[in-house]
Amino acid sequence: MRAEKLQIIQEIKGLIENKPFFLITYKGLTTAQLSSFRAILAESGSECHIVPNNLFRQAAKQLNLDAVFAAELAGDTALVSGSSDPVALAKAIRDFAKTQADKVKLKLGFVEDTLISSEEAIALADMPPREVLQAQLLGLLQAPAGQLVRVLNAKVSSIVYVLNAFLGKKEQAA
């Protein structure tokens, strides 16, 4: 294999190693449209690169990503990867694809050592952001403790009310 191709394979490996990534089609996009998409991705620390399917498969094979290596790849392919949240990455791709009609389509994704289909990637894009999920989880974890405090407080309050009523009757009787 020529030195240029080996260099490209090394660059692809650097883009996909231990990172979530998605493969998309880009046929029909202008350079300006692709540049605007790259600018959107750069804001979240992600990148978009045009990759030859054969070289991408070789990089996946060298990284032992057998599921990716076995996936069917045809046509023009752009690799979208980054160290950012995979949900945010999937949302950026989905939002861009909406504005570009039939020019951009998700082929597949690879998140948390799992190959996901385009439908699963779209479902991933529909999830709330990581911060919202963390807040919801925290609320779920705090709810039982808060309810326990309210129940215990109610029991103590009712005992105080009974004692106050008893004290009031004793004072009236005296």
N, C-alpha and C. Protein backbone atom coordinates (compact mmCIF):
# COMPACT_ATOMS: atom_id res chain seq x y z
N MET A 1 0.85 -1.19 0.00
CA MET A 1 0.00 0.00 0.00
C MET A 1 0.89 1.24 0.00
N ARG A 2 0.47 2.24 -0.73
CA ARG A 2 1.26 3.46 -0.83
C ARG A 2 1.30 4.20 0.49
N ALA A 3 2.35 5.00 0.67
CA ALA A 3 2.56 5.75 1.92
C ALA A 3 1.43 6.73 2.18
N GLU A 4 0.86 7.33 1.10
CA GLU A 4 -0.23 8.29 1.28
C GLU A 4 -1.46 7.61 1.87
N LYS A 5 -1.74 6.42 1.37
CA LYS A 5 -2.91 5.69 1.89
C LYS A 5 -2.69 5.26 3.33
N LEU A 6 -1.49 4.85 3.66
CA LEU A 6 -1.19 4.47 5.05
C LEU A 6 -1.36 5.67 5.97
N GLN A 7 -0.95 6.85 5.50
CA GLN A 7 -1.11 8.06 6.30
C GLN A 7 -2.59 8.38 6.50
N ILE A 8 -3.39 8.23 5.47
CA ILE A 8 -4.84 8.48 5.58
C ILE A 8 -5.47 7.50 6.57
N ILE A 9 -5.07 6.25 6.50
CA ILE A 9 -5.59 5.25 7.43
C ILE A 9 -5.25 5.63 8.87
N GLN A 10 -4.04 6.11 9.11
CA GLN A 10 -3.65 6.54 10.45
C GLN A 10 -4.50 7.72 10.92
N GLU A 11 -4.77 8.65 10.03
CA GLU A 11 -5.62 9.79 10.38
C GLU A 11 -7.04 9.34 10.71
N ILE A 12 -7.57 8.42 9.92
CA ILE A 12 -8.92 7.90 10.21
C ILE A 12 -8.94 7.19 11.55
N LYS A 13 -7.91 6.40 11.82
CA LYS A 13 -7.84 5.71 13.11
C LYS A 13 -7.86 6.72 14.26
N GLY A 14 -7.16 7.83 14.09
CA GLY A 14 -7.15 8.87 15.12
C GLY A 14 -8.53 9.49 15.32
N LEU A 15 -9.32 9.53 14.26
CA LEU A 15 -10.67 10.13 14.35
C LEU A 15 -11.68 9.20 14.99
N ILE A 16 -11.48 7.88 14.88
CA ILE A 16 -12.51 6.96 15.37
C ILE A 16 -12.11 6.18 16.62
N GLU A 17 -10.86 6.21 16.98
CA GLU A 17 -10.40 5.42 18.12
C GLU A 17 -10.96 5.99 19.42
N ASN A 18 -11.72 5.17 20.14
CA ASN A 18 -12.31 5.51 21.44
C ASN A 18 -13.21 6.75 21.38
N LYS A 19 -13.87 6.98 20.26
CA LYS A 19 -14.76 8.12 20.10
C LYS A 19 -16.05 7.66 19.43
N PRO A 20 -17.15 8.33 19.76
CA PRO A 20 -18.37 8.04 18.99
C PRO A 20 -18.21 8.63 17.59
N PHE A 21 -18.75 7.93 16.59
CA PHE A 21 -18.71 8.48 15.23
C PHE A 21 -19.92 8.02 14.44
N PHE A 22 -20.21 8.78 13.40
CA PHE A 22 -21.32 8.48 12.51
C PHE A 22 -20.83 8.60 11.08
N LEU A 23 -21.38 7.77 10.21
CA LEU A 23 -21.09 7.86 8.79
C LEU A 23 -22.34 8.38 8.09
N ILE A 24 -22.14 9.37 7.23
CA ILE A 24 -23.27 9.99 6.53
C ILE A 24 -22.96 10.06 5.04
N THR A 25 -24.03 10.22 4.25
CA THR A 25 -23.86 10.52 2.83
C THR A 25 -23.84 12.03 2.69
N TYR A 26 -23.21 12.51 1.64
CA TYR A 26 -23.13 13.95 1.43
C TYR A 26 -23.32 14.32 -0.04
N LYS A 27 -23.75 13.38 -0.84
CA LYS A 27 -23.85 13.60 -2.28
C LYS A 27 -24.80 14.75 -2.59
N GLY A 28 -24.31 15.71 -3.37
CA GLY A 28 -25.12 16.85 -3.77
C GLY A 28 -24.89 18.10 -2.94
N LEU A 29 -24.11 17.99 -1.87
CA LEU A 29 -23.83 19.17 -1.04
C LEU A 29 -22.79 20.05 -1.74
N THR A 30 -22.98 21.33 -1.60
CA THR A 30 -21.96 22.25 -2.11
C THR A 30 -20.85 22.38 -1.07
N THR A 31 -19.76 22.94 -1.50
CA THR A 31 -18.64 23.16 -0.58
C THR A 31 -19.05 24.09 0.55
N ALA A 32 -19.85 25.10 0.24
CA ALA A 32 -20.31 26.05 1.26
C ALA A 32 -21.20 25.36 2.29
N GLN A 33 -22.08 24.48 1.83
CA GLN A 33 -22.96 23.76 2.76
C GLN A 33 -22.15 22.84 3.67
N LEU A 34 -21.19 22.14 3.11
CA LEU A 34 -20.35 21.25 3.91
C LEU A 34 -19.50 22.06 4.89
N SER A 35 -19.02 23.21 4.46
CA SER A 35 -18.23 24.07 5.35
C SER A 35 -19.07 24.60 6.50
N SER A 36 -20.33 24.94 6.24
CA SER A 36 -21.19 25.43 7.32
C SER A 36 -21.48 24.30 8.32
N PHE A 37 -21.63 23.07 7.83
CA PHE A 37 -21.83 21.92 8.71
C PHE A 37 -20.60 21.69 9.57
N ARG A 38 -19.43 21.80 8.96
CA ARG A 38 -18.18 21.64 9.72
C ARG A 38 -18.04 22.71 10.80
N ALA A 39 -18.50 23.92 10.49
CA ALA A 39 -18.43 25.01 11.48
C ALA A 39 -19.35 24.71 12.66
N ILE A 40 -20.54 24.18 12.38
CA ILE A 40 -21.48 23.81 13.45
C ILE A 40 -20.86 22.72 14.33
N LEU A 41 -20.24 21.74 13.70
CA LEU A 41 -19.62 20.65 14.46
C LEU A 41 -18.43 21.14 15.27
N ALA A 42 -17.67 22.08 14.73
CA ALA A 42 -16.48 22.57 15.42
C ALA A 42 -16.84 23.25 16.74
N GLU A 43 -18.04 23.83 16.83
CA GLU A 43 -18.48 24.47 18.07
C GLU A 43 -18.57 23.48 19.22
N SER A 44 -18.87 22.22 18.90
CA SER A 44 -18.97 21.21 19.94
C SER A 44 -17.75 20.29 20.00
N GLY A 45 -16.69 20.66 19.30
CA GLY A 45 -15.46 19.87 19.34
C GLY A 45 -15.50 18.64 18.46
N SER A 46 -16.32 18.65 17.42
CA SER A 46 -16.44 17.51 16.51
C SER A 46 -15.93 17.91 15.13
N GLU A 47 -15.77 16.90 14.28
CA GLU A 47 -15.23 17.13 12.95
C GLU A 47 -15.98 16.30 11.91
N CYS A 48 -15.91 16.74 10.67
CA CYS A 48 -16.46 16.00 9.54
C CYS A 48 -15.39 15.88 8.47
N HIS A 49 -15.12 14.64 8.04
CA HIS A 49 -14.10 14.39 7.03
C HIS A 49 -14.66 13.45 5.97
N ILE A 50 -14.32 13.71 4.74
CA ILE A 50 -14.67 12.82 3.65
C ILE A 50 -13.66 11.68 3.68
N VAL A 51 -14.17 10.44 3.70
CA VAL A 51 -13.27 9.29 3.78
C VAL A 51 -13.61 8.27 2.70
N PRO A 52 -12.58 7.70 2.09
CA PRO A 52 -12.84 6.61 1.15
C PRO A 52 -13.29 5.36 1.93
N ASN A 53 -14.30 4.68 1.42
CA ASN A 53 -14.85 3.52 2.13
C ASN A 53 -13.81 2.44 2.40
N ASN A 54 -12.96 2.14 1.41
CA ASN A 54 -11.95 1.10 1.59
C ASN A 54 -10.96 1.45 2.70
N LEU A 55 -10.51 2.70 2.71
CA LEU A 55 -9.55 3.10 3.74
C LEU A 55 -10.20 3.16 5.11
N PHE A 56 -11.46 3.55 5.15
CA PHE A 56 -12.17 3.54 6.43
C PHE A 56 -12.28 2.12 6.96
N ARG A 57 -12.63 1.18 6.08
CA ARG A 57 -12.74 -0.22 6.50
C ARG A 57 -11.39 -0.75 6.99
N GLN A 58 -10.31 -0.37 6.33
CA GLN A 58 -8.98 -0.80 6.77
C GLN A 58 -8.66 -0.26 8.16
N ALA A 59 -9.00 1.01 8.41
CA ALA A 59 -8.76 1.59 9.74
C ALA A 59 -9.58 0.87 10.79
N ALA A 60 -10.84 0.57 10.47
CA ALA A 60 -11.70 -0.16 11.41
C ALA A 60 -11.13 -1.55 11.69
N LYS A 61 -10.63 -2.20 10.66
CA LYS A 61 -10.05 -3.54 10.83
C LYS A 61 -8.83 -3.47 11.74
N GLN A 62 -7.99 -2.47 11.55
CA GLN A 62 -6.79 -2.34 12.38
C GLN A 62 -7.12 -2.03 13.84
N LEU A 63 -8.27 -1.40 14.08
CA LEU A 63 -8.70 -1.10 15.45
C LEU A 63 -9.57 -2.20 16.04
N ASN A 64 -9.70 -3.31 15.32
CA ASN A 64 -10.53 -4.45 15.75
C ASN A 64 -11.99 -4.06 15.95
N LEU A 65 -12.49 -3.17 15.13
CA LEU A 65 -13.90 -2.81 15.14
C LEU A 65 -14.60 -3.68 14.09
N ASP A 66 -14.75 -4.97 14.43
CA ASP A 66 -15.24 -5.95 13.47
C ASP A 66 -16.64 -5.63 12.96
N ALA A 67 -17.51 -5.11 13.83
CA ALA A 67 -18.87 -4.79 13.40
C ALA A 67 -18.86 -3.69 12.35
N VAL A 68 -17.99 -2.72 12.51
CA VAL A 68 -17.87 -1.62 11.55
C VAL A 68 -17.23 -2.15 10.26
N PHE A 69 -16.23 -2.99 10.40
CA PHE A 69 -15.54 -3.54 9.23
C PHE A 69 -16.51 -4.35 8.37
N ALA A 70 -17.44 -5.06 9.02
CA ALA A 70 -18.38 -5.92 8.29
C ALA A 70 -19.56 -5.14 7.71
N ALA A 71 -19.76 -3.91 8.12
CA ALA A 71 -20.90 -3.13 7.65
C ALA A 71 -20.78 -2.83 6.16
N GLU A 72 -21.93 -2.80 5.51
CA GLU A 72 -21.98 -2.48 4.08
C GLU A 72 -21.81 -0.98 3.89
N LEU A 73 -20.80 -0.58 3.16
CA LEU A 73 -20.58 0.83 2.86
C LEU A 73 -20.56 1.00 1.35
N ALA A 74 -21.41 1.88 0.87
CA ALA A 74 -21.46 2.15 -0.56
C ALA A 74 -21.70 3.63 -0.77
N GLY A 75 -21.20 4.14 -1.85
CA GLY A 75 -21.43 5.53 -2.18
C GLY A 75 -20.51 6.47 -1.41
N ASP A 76 -20.80 7.75 -1.54
CA ASP A 76 -20.00 8.78 -0.87
C ASP A 76 -20.19 8.69 0.64
N THR A 77 -19.09 8.81 1.37
CA THR A 77 -19.15 8.69 2.83
C THR A 77 -18.37 9.81 3.49
N ALA A 78 -19.01 10.42 4.47
CA ALA A 78 -18.34 11.41 5.32
C ALA A 78 -18.36 10.87 6.74
N LEU A 79 -17.25 11.03 7.43
CA LEU A 79 -17.10 10.58 8.80
C LEU A 79 -17.28 11.78 9.73
N VAL A 80 -18.24 11.66 10.65
CA VAL A 80 -18.47 12.71 11.65
C VAL A 80 -18.10 12.10 12.99
N SER A 81 -17.08 12.67 13.62
CA SER A 81 -16.63 12.13 14.90
C SER A 81 -16.24 13.27 15.82
N GLY A 82 -16.10 12.92 17.07
CA GLY A 82 -15.67 13.91 18.04
C GLY A 82 -15.71 13.35 19.43
N SER A 83 -15.11 14.08 20.33
CA SER A 83 -15.08 13.64 21.71
C SER A 83 -16.29 14.13 22.48
N SER A 84 -17.20 14.76 21.79
CA SER A 84 -18.37 15.32 22.47
C SER A 84 -19.40 14.23 22.76
N ASP A 85 -20.45 14.64 23.37
CA ASP A 85 -21.57 13.78 23.71
C ASP A 85 -22.16 13.19 22.43
N PRO A 86 -22.33 11.86 22.34
CA PRO A 86 -22.87 11.27 21.11
C PRO A 86 -24.29 11.75 20.81
N VAL A 87 -25.06 12.08 21.84
CA VAL A 87 -26.42 12.58 21.62
C VAL A 87 -26.35 13.93 20.91
N ALA A 88 -25.46 14.80 21.37
CA ALA A 88 -25.32 16.12 20.73
C ALA A 88 -24.82 15.97 19.30
N LEU A 89 -23.93 15.03 19.08
CA LEU A 89 -23.41 14.78 17.74
C LEU A 89 -24.52 14.29 16.81
N ALA A 90 -25.33 13.35 17.29
CA ALA A 90 -26.44 12.83 16.49
C ALA A 90 -27.47 13.93 16.21
N LYS A 91 -27.71 14.81 17.19
CA LYS A 91 -28.66 15.92 16.98
C LYS A 91 -28.14 16.88 15.92
N ALA A 92 -26.86 17.18 15.95
CA ALA A 92 -26.28 18.09 14.95
C ALA A 92 -26.44 17.51 13.55
N ILE A 93 -26.21 16.21 13.41
CA ILE A 93 -26.36 15.56 12.10
C ILE A 93 -27.82 15.57 11.68
N ARG A 94 -28.72 15.22 12.60
CA ARG A 94 -30.15 15.20 12.27
C ARG A 94 -30.64 16.58 11.85
N ASP A 95 -30.26 17.60 12.59
CA ASP A 95 -30.70 18.96 12.27
C ASP A 95 -30.16 19.42 10.92
N PHE A 96 -28.91 19.10 10.64
CA PHE A 96 -28.34 19.47 9.35
C PHE A 96 -29.01 18.70 8.22
N ALA A 97 -29.29 17.41 8.45
CA ALA A 97 -29.95 16.60 7.42
C ALA A 97 -31.34 17.13 7.11
N LYS A 98 -32.04 17.67 8.12
CA LYS A 98 -33.37 18.23 7.89
C LYS A 98 -33.30 19.42 6.93
N THR A 99 -32.26 20.22 7.04
CA THR A 99 -32.15 21.40 6.20
C THR A 99 -31.66 21.05 4.79
N GLN A 100 -31.11 19.88 4.61
CA GLN A 100 -30.53 19.52 3.31
C GLN A 100 -31.35 18.48 2.55
N ALA A 101 -32.58 18.29 2.94
CA ALA A 101 -33.52 17.39 2.25
C ALA A 101 -32.91 16.01 2.01
N ASP A 102 -32.74 15.63 0.77
CA ASP A 102 -32.27 14.27 0.45
C ASP A 102 -30.77 14.16 0.24
N LYS A 103 -30.05 15.21 0.53
CA LYS A 103 -28.61 15.20 0.27
C LYS A 103 -27.82 14.51 1.39
N VAL A 104 -28.29 14.60 2.62
CA VAL A 104 -27.56 14.04 3.76
C VAL A 104 -28.42 12.97 4.42
N LYS A 105 -27.83 11.79 4.58
CA LYS A 105 -28.51 10.69 5.27
C LYS A 105 -27.51 9.99 6.18
N LEU A 106 -27.99 9.56 7.31
CA LEU A 106 -27.15 8.77 8.22
C LEU A 106 -27.03 7.36 7.68
N LYS A 107 -25.82 6.84 7.63
CA LYS A 107 -25.61 5.46 7.21
C LYS A 107 -25.60 4.55 8.44
N LEU A 108 -24.74 4.89 9.39
CA LEU A 108 -24.60 4.11 10.62
C LEU A 108 -23.85 4.92 11.65
N GLY A 109 -23.83 4.41 12.84
CA GLY A 109 -23.10 5.07 13.91
C GLY A 109 -22.39 4.03 14.76
N PHE A 110 -21.44 4.49 15.54
CA PHE A 110 -20.72 3.62 16.45
C PHE A 110 -20.56 4.36 17.77
N VAL A 111 -21.30 3.89 18.78
CA VAL A 111 -21.34 4.56 20.07
C VAL A 111 -21.15 3.52 21.16
N GLU A 112 -20.22 3.79 22.09
CA GLU A 112 -20.00 2.90 23.23
C GLU A 112 -19.74 1.46 22.77
N ASP A 113 -18.87 1.29 21.80
CA ASP A 113 -18.50 -0.02 21.26
C ASP A 113 -19.68 -0.79 20.67
N THR A 114 -20.69 -0.07 20.20
CA THR A 114 -21.86 -0.70 19.61
C THR A 114 -22.17 -0.04 18.27
N LEU A 115 -22.36 -0.88 17.26
CA LEU A 115 -22.76 -0.39 15.95
C LEU A 115 -24.26 -0.11 15.98
N ILE A 116 -24.67 1.07 15.57
CA ILE A 116 -26.09 1.42 15.57
C ILE A 116 -26.53 1.78 14.16
N SER A 117 -27.77 1.45 13.86
CA SER A 117 -28.32 1.74 12.54
C SER A 117 -28.71 3.21 12.46
N SER A 118 -29.11 3.63 11.27
CA SER A 118 -29.52 5.02 11.10
C SER A 118 -30.77 5.32 11.92
N GLU A 119 -31.69 4.36 12.03
CA GLU A 119 -32.90 4.56 12.84
C GLU A 119 -32.56 4.72 14.32
N GLU A 120 -31.62 3.92 14.79
CA GLU A 120 -31.20 4.02 16.19
C GLU A 120 -30.47 5.34 16.45
N ALA A 121 -29.71 5.80 15.46
CA ALA A 121 -29.02 7.08 15.60
C ALA A 121 -30.01 8.23 15.67
N ILE A 122 -31.08 8.15 14.90
CA ILE A 122 -32.12 9.18 14.95
C ILE A 122 -32.82 9.14 16.30
N ALA A 123 -33.07 7.94 16.82
CA ALA A 123 -33.68 7.81 18.16
C ALA A 123 -32.74 8.39 19.22
N LEU A 124 -31.45 8.19 19.03
CA LEU A 124 -30.46 8.76 19.95
C LEU A 124 -30.52 10.29 19.91
N ALA A 125 -30.73 10.84 18.72
CA ALA A 125 -30.82 12.29 18.57
C ALA A 125 -32.05 12.86 19.25
N ASP A 126 -33.08 12.04 19.41
CA ASP A 126 -34.32 12.51 20.06
C ASP A 126 -34.23 12.50 21.58
N MET A 127 -33.16 11.95 22.12
CA MET A 127 -33.00 11.93 23.58
C MET A 127 -32.69 13.34 24.09
N PRO A 128 -33.04 13.61 25.35
CA PRO A 128 -32.66 14.91 25.92
C PRO A 128 -31.14 14.98 26.11
N PRO A 129 -30.60 16.19 26.23
CA PRO A 129 -29.16 16.33 26.44
C PRO A 129 -28.71 15.66 27.74
N ARG A 130 -27.42 15.38 27.83
CA ARG A 130 -26.84 14.69 28.98
C ARG A 130 -27.15 15.40 30.29
N GLU A 131 -27.08 16.74 30.30
CA GLU A 131 -27.33 17.51 31.52
C GLU A 131 -28.76 17.31 32.02
N VAL A 132 -29.72 17.25 31.08
CA VAL A 132 -31.12 17.04 31.45
C VAL A 132 -31.30 15.64 32.02
N LEU A 133 -30.68 14.65 31.40
CA LEU A 133 -30.78 13.28 31.91
C LEU A 133 -30.16 13.17 33.30
N GLN A 134 -29.04 13.85 33.52
CA GLN A 134 -28.40 13.82 34.84
C GLN A 134 -29.31 14.48 35.88
N ALA A 135 -29.96 15.58 35.51
CA ALA A 135 -30.87 16.26 36.44
C ALA A 135 -32.06 15.37 36.76
N GLN A 136 -32.59 14.67 35.75
CA GLN A 136 -33.72 13.76 35.98
C GLN A 136 -33.32 12.62 36.90
N LEU A 137 -32.12 12.08 36.69
CA LEU A 137 -31.64 11.00 37.55
C LEU A 137 -31.45 11.49 38.98
N LEU A 138 -30.89 12.67 39.14
CA LEU A 138 -30.71 13.23 40.47
C LEU A 138 -32.05 13.42 41.16
N GLY A 139 -33.04 13.91 40.42
CA GLY A 139 -34.39 14.08 40.98
C GLY A 139 -34.98 12.75 41.43
N LEU A 140 -34.76 11.70 40.63
CA LEU A 140 -35.26 10.37 41.01
C LEU A 140 -34.56 9.85 42.26
N LEU A 141 -33.27 10.12 42.36
CA LEU A 141 -32.53 9.65 43.54
C LEU A 141 -32.91 10.42 44.80
N GLN A 142 -33.24 11.70 44.65
CA GLN A 142 -33.58 12.52 45.81
C GLN A 142 -35.03 12.34 46.25
N ALA A 143 -35.90 11.91 45.36
CA ALA A 143 -37.33 11.82 45.67
C ALA A 143 -37.64 10.93 46.87
N PRO A 144 -37.11 9.70 46.97
CA PRO A 144 -37.44 8.87 48.13
C PRO A 144 -37.00 9.50 49.46
N ALA A 145 -35.82 10.11 49.47
CA ALA A 145 -35.35 10.74 50.71
C ALA A 145 -36.25 11.90 51.10
N GLY A 146 -36.66 12.69 50.13
CA GLY A 146 -37.56 13.82 50.41
C GLY A 146 -38.90 13.35 50.92
N GLN A 147 -39.41 12.27 50.33
CA GLN A 147 -40.70 11.74 50.79
C GLN A 147 -40.57 11.19 52.21
N LEU A 148 -39.46 10.53 52.52
CA LEU A 148 -39.25 10.01 53.86
C LEU A 148 -39.21 11.14 54.88
N VAL A 149 -38.53 12.22 54.56
CA VAL A 149 -38.45 13.37 55.46
C VAL A 149 -39.84 13.94 55.69
N ARG A 150 -40.64 14.06 54.62
CA ARG A 150 -42.00 14.60 54.76
C ARG A 150 -42.87 13.69 55.64
N VAL A 151 -42.75 12.37 55.47
CA VAL A 151 -43.54 11.44 56.27
C VAL A 151 -43.13 11.52 57.74
N LEU A 152 -41.82 11.51 57.98
CA LEU A 152 -41.35 11.61 59.36
C LEU A 152 -41.74 12.94 59.99
N ASN A 153 -41.65 14.01 59.22
CA ASN A 153 -42.03 15.33 59.70
C ASN A 153 -43.52 15.38 60.01
N ALA A 154 -44.33 14.73 59.19
CA ALA A 154 -45.78 14.71 59.43
C ALA A 154 -46.10 13.96 60.73
N LYS A 155 -45.40 12.87 60.97
CA LYS A 155 -45.64 12.10 62.21
C LYS A 155 -45.24 12.93 63.43
N VAL A 156 -44.10 13.59 63.36
CA VAL A 156 -43.66 14.43 64.48
C VAL A 156 -44.64 15.58 64.67
N SER A 157 -45.08 16.19 63.58
CA SER A 157 -46.03 17.30 63.68
C SER A 157 -47.34 16.85 64.31
N SER A 158 -47.83 15.68 63.94
CA SER A 158 -49.09 15.21 64.51
C SER A 158 -48.94 14.94 66.01
N ILE A 159 -47.79 14.43 66.44
CA ILE A 159 -47.56 14.21 67.87
C ILE A 159 -47.54 15.55 68.59
N VAL A 160 -46.91 16.55 67.99
CA VAL A 160 -46.87 17.88 68.60
C VAL A 160 -48.28 18.45 68.72
N TYR A 161 -49.10 18.29 67.67
CA TYR A 161 -50.48 18.80 67.71
C TYR A 161 -51.28 18.10 68.81
N VAL A 162 -51.12 16.79 68.97
CA VAL A 162 -51.84 16.05 70.02
C VAL A 162 -51.40 16.53 71.40
N LEU A 163 -50.09 16.70 71.57
CA LEU A 163 -49.59 17.17 72.87
C LEU A 163 -50.07 18.59 73.17
N ASN A 164 -50.10 19.46 72.15
CA ASN A 164 -50.62 20.83 72.34
C ASN A 164 -52.09 20.81 72.72
N ALA A 165 -52.87 19.94 72.06
CA ALA A 165 -54.30 19.84 72.38
C ALA A 165 -54.48 19.32 73.81
N PHE A 166 -53.68 18.32 74.19
CA PHE A 166 -53.77 17.79 75.54
C PHE A 166 -53.38 18.85 76.57
N LEU A 167 -52.32 19.61 76.26
CA LEU A 167 -51.89 20.68 77.16
C LEU A 167 -52.97 21.74 77.28
N GLY A 168 -53.61 22.07 76.15
CA GLY A 168 -54.70 23.06 76.16
C GLY A 168 -55.85 22.60 77.04
N LYS A 169 -56.23 21.33 76.97
CA LYS A 169 -57.32 20.80 77.82
C LYS A 169 -56.92 20.81 79.28
N LYS A 170 -55.67 20.49 79.56
CA LYS A 170 -55.21 20.49 80.96
C LYS A 170 -55.25 21.92 81.51
N GLU A 171 -54.85 22.90 80.66
CA GLU A 171 -54.88 24.30 81.11
C GLU A 171 -56.30 24.78 81.34
N GLN A 172 -57.26 24.33 80.53
CA GLN A 172 -58.66 24.73 80.68
C GLN A 172 -59.26 24.09 81.93
N ALA A 173 -58.85 22.88 82.19
CA ALA A 173 -59.38 22.17 83.36
C ALA A 173 -58.81 22.77 84.64
N ALA A 174 -57.65 23.32 84.59
CA ALA A 174 -57.04 23.85 85.80
C ALA A 174 -57.47 25.21 86.11
